[in-house]
Structures are given as structure tokens and as C-alpha cells.
């Protein structure tokens, strides 16, 4: 397996507006800047699965590595009601510079790791906020997302539904496929088994919570691969 985390960090490189997008520290600590808790889950899960992990080291607000290069949300200027001052006047040249310094190196590293063997299984880890501004509270503890390839996700969903204390979402809280996103680019395009796991971020705020979720998911993922015949 290969564990990936597209939105692991809320870091703004010094080369981007001197390391400042013009947002308050409280906003940079929110889900708009990164997937809260996802990095800790990814590190722990990779260790338990004896798998490598690829994590981003820049904020999704700098440039979003889980979008295709032609996606209009690649460089966000407004997110969940918050204006991103450092992106407000970013032009095509700035977009290309961020692609070259952040986005493309991340995807090159992920491509190299995914290609290291013929049977790579891509496990993409994300988290989501319990509630977006103006929207209902999200009830799911965990969501499994998939698009055109459901070979691993469907049996994983079936297994998670057996956990009596979990509210499990199928392609919730988001749809499971974007053309050019990381799973599409590094798994679906090559016929690699894959799944995208979303965990509600209030459940993985602390290191102990992150470890607990990884400890719960690692044997489930191993079991599903072993018993499903994949």
C-alpha cells in the first residue's frame, strides 16, 4: 500500500507572499487551509501497514494538489466564506510559479512512489469539517469516496458498516471523483486499487485520536484486501 495525504500541511512557503496569505492564524488553523488531523493519521497508518507515505508540505490555499491543473478551484480566492487576500490578485504567472514550486514536485514524488511496484494500492487520507458555514451539521464519522473504480471502496464500506458505533458515508460529505485529482491521476489512470478515506476532523484533533483511528483502520484495510480477493 501507499498512503497519501494531499492536504497535510497549512504551511505557506516563503516564496509565496513572504510566507503569508494575509489570513489570521485562526483561519490558517481551520479546514480551509489544510485537513486537520489527516497528517497524523497518515503517518500512523503508514507505520502500521509498513507502507510508505507521501504528504504535502504546503497549504491547499497556496495551490490545491487534489485538483487537476485546469480546475478553476486549483487556486482558491474565496473558501467557505473567507476571502484569501494573498490569492486575490494572483495571475496566470503566479499560478504557474506555484505549480512549479509546490504542486508538480508533490505529484512527481507521488508518481514515483506509486510506480515502485506493479500492485500498488493507493490509500488517500483526508479530513473534513463537521459543518460548513450555512450548511447542516454533517453526521458521518467517516466517509469512503470513490469514482469510476469502486473495487476496494465498496467492500471497505461493507466492512465499516459492520462497526456498530460508526456513521459511515458513501461518497459523503463529497462526491467521489474529480477529473485530474490525485486518485484519478495516480491510481485510476493506471488501474491501481484505491480508496479515499475522509474522517471528520473533530474526531482526529489530538495525536491520541489520530493514532486510535489509524489503529482501527489498519487491520480493516488489511482484512478487506485479504478477504475480498482483490
Protein backbone atom coordinates (compact mmCIF):
# COMPACT_ATOMS: atom_id res chain seq x y z
CA UNK A 1 0.00 0.00 0.00
CA UNK A 2 0.91 3.64 -0.47
CA UNK A 3 -0.61 6.17 1.94
CA UNK A 4 -1.07 9.70 0.62
CA UNK A 5 -2.24 12.92 2.23
CA UNK A 6 -2.85 15.77 -0.19
CA UNK A 7 -3.80 18.38 2.42
CA UNK A 8 -1.40 17.51 5.22
CA UNK A 9 0.04 20.96 5.99
CA UNK A 10 -1.02 24.57 6.47
CA UNK A 11 2.44 25.90 5.58
CA UNK A 12 2.89 28.85 3.23
CA UNK A 13 6.38 28.82 1.64
CA UNK A 14 8.47 31.97 1.95
CA UNK A 15 8.42 32.22 -1.84
CA UNK A 16 4.65 32.86 -1.70
CA UNK A 17 3.95 36.38 -0.41
CA UNK A 18 6.78 36.05 2.08
CA UNK A 19 5.07 33.06 3.71
CA UNK A 20 1.82 34.91 4.41
CA UNK A 21 -1.51 34.71 2.55
CA UNK A 22 -2.94 37.55 4.62
CA UNK A 23 -5.12 35.34 6.80
CA UNK A 24 -5.26 35.33 10.58
CA UNK A 25 -3.60 32.42 12.40
CA UNK A 26 -7.04 31.17 13.42
CA UNK A 27 -8.07 30.88 9.77
CA UNK A 28 -4.84 29.10 8.85
CA UNK A 29 -5.63 26.57 11.58
CA UNK A 30 -9.05 25.80 10.04
CA UNK A 31 -10.11 23.26 7.46
CA UNK A 32 -9.84 25.87 4.72
CA UNK A 33 -6.03 25.76 4.95
CA UNK A 34 -5.46 22.01 5.43
CA UNK A 35 -7.09 18.75 6.50
CA UNK A 36 -6.91 18.94 10.28
CA UNK A 37 -5.55 15.72 11.80
CA UNK A 38 -5.03 13.95 8.48
CA UNK A 39 -1.23 14.04 8.63
CA UNK A 40 -1.12 12.29 11.99
CA UNK A 41 -3.50 9.59 10.81
CA UNK A 42 -1.43 9.13 7.64
CA UNK A 43 1.88 8.76 9.47
CA UNK A 44 0.46 6.29 11.99
CA UNK A 45 -1.43 4.30 9.35
CA UNK A 46 1.64 4.02 7.13
CA UNK A 47 3.71 2.77 10.06
CA UNK A 48 1.10 0.16 10.98
CA UNK A 49 0.77 -1.02 7.37
CA UNK A 50 4.55 -0.97 6.87
CA UNK A 51 3.88 1.30 3.91
CA UNK A 52 5.48 4.47 2.56
CA UNK A 53 3.60 7.75 2.83
CA UNK A 54 3.59 10.87 0.68
CA UNK A 55 2.35 14.04 2.39
CA UNK A 56 2.12 17.57 1.04
CA UNK A 57 4.14 20.25 2.85
CA UNK A 58 2.19 23.30 1.68
CA UNK A 59 -1.30 24.63 2.33
CA UNK A 60 -4.12 23.83 -0.04
CA UNK A 61 -4.62 27.62 -0.19
CA UNK A 62 -1.21 28.02 -1.80
CA UNK A 63 -2.31 25.63 -4.53
CA UNK A 64 -4.52 22.56 -4.19
CA UNK A 65 -2.72 19.33 -5.09
CA UNK A 66 -6.01 17.43 -5.16
CA UNK A 67 -7.21 19.30 -8.24
CA UNK A 68 -6.32 18.98 -11.89
CA UNK A 69 -4.12 21.71 -13.31
CA UNK A 70 -7.07 23.06 -15.30
CA UNK A 71 -9.51 23.03 -12.37
CA UNK A 72 -10.93 26.50 -11.54
CA UNK A 73 -10.59 25.76 -7.81
CA UNK A 74 -6.87 24.98 -8.08
CA UNK A 75 -6.00 28.38 -6.59
CA UNK A 76 -8.83 29.45 -4.30
CA UNK A 77 -9.65 33.13 -3.80
CA UNK A 78 -12.73 32.51 -1.62
CA UNK A 79 -13.27 29.42 0.55
CA UNK A 80 -16.14 28.71 2.94
CA UNK A 81 -16.95 32.41 3.14
CA UNK A 82 -13.34 33.54 3.72
CA UNK A 83 -11.51 35.72 1.19
CA UNK A 84 -7.86 34.70 0.67
CA UNK A 85 -6.04 38.06 0.37
CA UNK A 86 -2.78 36.56 -0.89
CA UNK A 87 -4.61 34.91 -3.78
CA UNK A 88 -6.90 37.77 -4.66
CA UNK A 89 -4.67 39.16 -7.39
CA UNK A 90 -2.73 36.01 -8.27
CA UNK A 91 -2.38 35.94 -12.05
CA UNK A 92 -1.50 33.21 -14.53
CA UNK A 93 2.23 33.73 -13.98
CA UNK A 94 1.87 33.32 -10.21
CA UNK A 95 -0.28 30.25 -10.71
CA UNK A 96 2.41 28.71 -12.93
CA UNK A 97 5.11 29.54 -10.38
CA UNK A 98 3.20 27.78 -7.61
CA UNK A 99 2.58 24.80 -9.88
CA UNK A 100 6.33 24.50 -10.50
CA UNK A 101 7.48 25.04 -6.91
CA UNK A 102 4.82 23.11 -4.97
CA UNK A 103 2.21 21.18 -6.96
CA UNK A 104 4.33 19.45 -9.60
CA UNK A 105 7.12 18.29 -7.26
CA UNK A 106 4.48 16.75 -4.97
CA UNK A 107 2.90 14.85 -7.84
CA UNK A 108 6.27 13.77 -9.20
CA UNK A 109 7.10 12.25 -5.81
CA UNK A 110 3.74 10.53 -5.60
CA UNK A 111 4.04 9.17 -9.14
CA UNK A 112 7.48 7.73 -8.41
CA UNK A 113 6.31 6.02 -5.22
CA UNK A 114 3.16 4.64 -6.83
CA UNK A 115 5.22 3.17 -9.69
CA UNK A 116 7.73 1.41 -7.44
CA UNK A 117 5.83 -1.89 -7.82
CA UNK A 118 3.14 -3.29 -10.10
CA UNK A 119 0.43 -3.82 -7.48
CA UNK A 120 0.40 -0.53 -5.54
CA UNK A 121 -2.80 0.10 -3.57
CA UNK A 122 -3.39 3.83 -3.06
CA UNK A 123 -4.93 4.87 0.28
CA UNK A 124 -5.71 8.60 0.26
CA UNK A 125 -6.36 10.18 3.67
CA UNK A 126 -8.41 13.36 4.14
CA UNK A 127 -10.49 15.05 6.82
CA UNK A 128 -13.49 17.37 6.75
CA UNK A 129 -15.10 19.95 8.99
CA UNK A 130 -18.22 18.95 10.95
CA UNK A 131 -20.10 21.90 9.44
CA UNK A 132 -19.57 24.35 6.60
CA UNK A 133 -20.86 27.90 7.03
CA UNK A 134 -24.59 27.99 6.39
CA UNK A 135 -24.90 24.23 5.90
CA UNK A 136 -26.31 21.43 8.11
CA UNK A 137 -24.14 19.53 10.57
CA UNK A 138 -22.52 16.52 8.97
CA UNK A 139 -23.46 13.30 10.80
CA UNK A 140 -20.86 10.95 9.34
CA UNK A 141 -17.82 9.90 11.34
CA UNK A 142 -16.06 8.62 8.25
CA UNK A 143 -16.72 8.70 4.53
CA UNK A 144 -15.40 6.46 1.78
CA UNK A 145 -15.12 8.19 -1.57
CA UNK A 146 -14.75 6.63 -4.98
CA UNK A 147 -15.43 7.45 -8.59
CA UNK A 148 -15.10 5.17 -11.58
CA UNK A 149 -13.22 2.48 -9.63
CA UNK A 150 -15.11 1.06 -6.64
CA UNK A 151 -13.29 -2.28 -6.36
CA UNK A 152 -11.74 -1.53 -2.98
CA UNK A 153 -14.14 1.12 -1.70
CA UNK A 154 -17.33 -0.96 -1.85
CA UNK A 155 -16.01 -3.90 0.21
CA UNK A 156 -14.41 -1.40 2.57
CA UNK A 157 -17.78 0.31 3.01
CA UNK A 158 -19.43 -3.06 3.64
CA UNK A 159 -16.86 -3.81 6.33
CA UNK A 160 -17.17 -0.41 8.01
CA UNK A 161 -20.96 -0.70 8.12
CA UNK A 162 -20.42 -3.64 10.49
CA UNK A 163 -18.88 -1.28 13.05
CA UNK A 164 -21.88 -0.51 15.32
CA UNK A 165 -20.61 2.85 16.59
CA UNK A 166 -19.81 4.40 13.20
CA UNK A 167 -21.95 6.52 10.92
CA UNK A 168 -20.41 5.80 7.53
CA UNK A 169 -20.92 7.90 4.41
CA UNK A 170 -20.70 6.59 0.86
CA UNK A 171 -19.37 9.44 -1.28
CA UNK A 172 -20.22 11.72 1.63
CA UNK A 173 -19.64 14.51 2.52
CA UNK A 174 -18.31 14.94 -1.03
CA UNK A 175 -18.69 13.27 -4.36
CA UNK A 176 -16.00 10.73 -5.02
CA UNK A 177 -14.40 11.82 -8.26
CA UNK A 178 -12.81 14.88 -9.82
CA UNK A 179 -11.04 14.63 -13.15
CA UNK A 180 -7.35 15.15 -12.54
CA UNK A 181 -7.46 14.76 -8.76
CA UNK A 182 -4.77 12.72 -7.03
CA UNK A 183 -6.60 9.38 -7.07
CA UNK A 184 -7.57 9.85 -10.69
CA UNK A 185 -4.04 10.81 -11.63
CA UNK A 186 -2.05 8.21 -9.69
CA UNK A 187 -4.43 5.26 -9.33
CA UNK A 188 -7.37 5.22 -11.74
CA UNK A 189 -5.25 6.19 -14.73
CA UNK A 190 -3.07 3.10 -14.11
CA UNK A 191 -5.74 0.65 -12.96
CA UNK A 192 -4.40 0.65 -9.40
CA UNK A 193 -6.64 -0.30 -6.49
CA UNK A 194 -7.56 2.75 -4.48
CA UNK A 195 -9.83 4.34 -1.94
CA UNK A 196 -10.18 7.80 -0.43
CA UNK A 197 -10.92 7.96 3.30
CA UNK A 198 -12.45 11.10 4.83
CA UNK A 199 -12.57 11.39 8.65
CA UNK A 200 -14.48 14.15 10.44
CA UNK A 201 -11.80 16.41 11.83
CA UNK A 202 -13.24 16.87 15.33
CA UNK A 203 -12.56 13.15 15.80
CA UNK A 204 -8.84 13.43 14.99
CA UNK A 205 -7.77 16.70 16.61
CA UNK A 206 -5.29 15.11 19.01
CA UNK A 207 -2.37 12.77 18.48
CA UNK A 208 -4.12 10.11 20.56
CA UNK A 209 -7.24 10.32 18.39
CA UNK A 210 -5.19 10.15 15.20
CA UNK A 211 -3.36 7.07 16.45
CA UNK A 212 -6.62 5.43 17.51
CA UNK A 213 -8.19 5.89 14.10
CA UNK A 214 -5.10 4.55 12.35
CA UNK A 215 -5.06 1.57 14.71
CA UNK A 216 -8.70 0.91 13.86
CA UNK A 217 -8.35 1.32 10.10
CA UNK A 218 -5.11 -0.60 9.51
CA UNK A 219 -6.46 -4.08 10.28
CA UNK A 220 -9.73 -3.32 8.48
CA UNK A 221 -7.89 -2.34 5.30
CA UNK A 222 -5.69 -5.43 5.53
CA UNK A 223 -8.72 -7.65 6.15
CA UNK A 224 -10.66 -6.23 3.20
CA UNK A 225 -7.74 -6.77 0.83
CA UNK A 226 -7.24 -10.31 2.06
CA UNK A 227 -10.88 -11.40 2.07
CA UNK A 228 -12.24 -9.63 -0.99
CA UNK A 229 -9.96 -11.38 -3.46
CA UNK A 230 -8.56 -8.12 -4.77
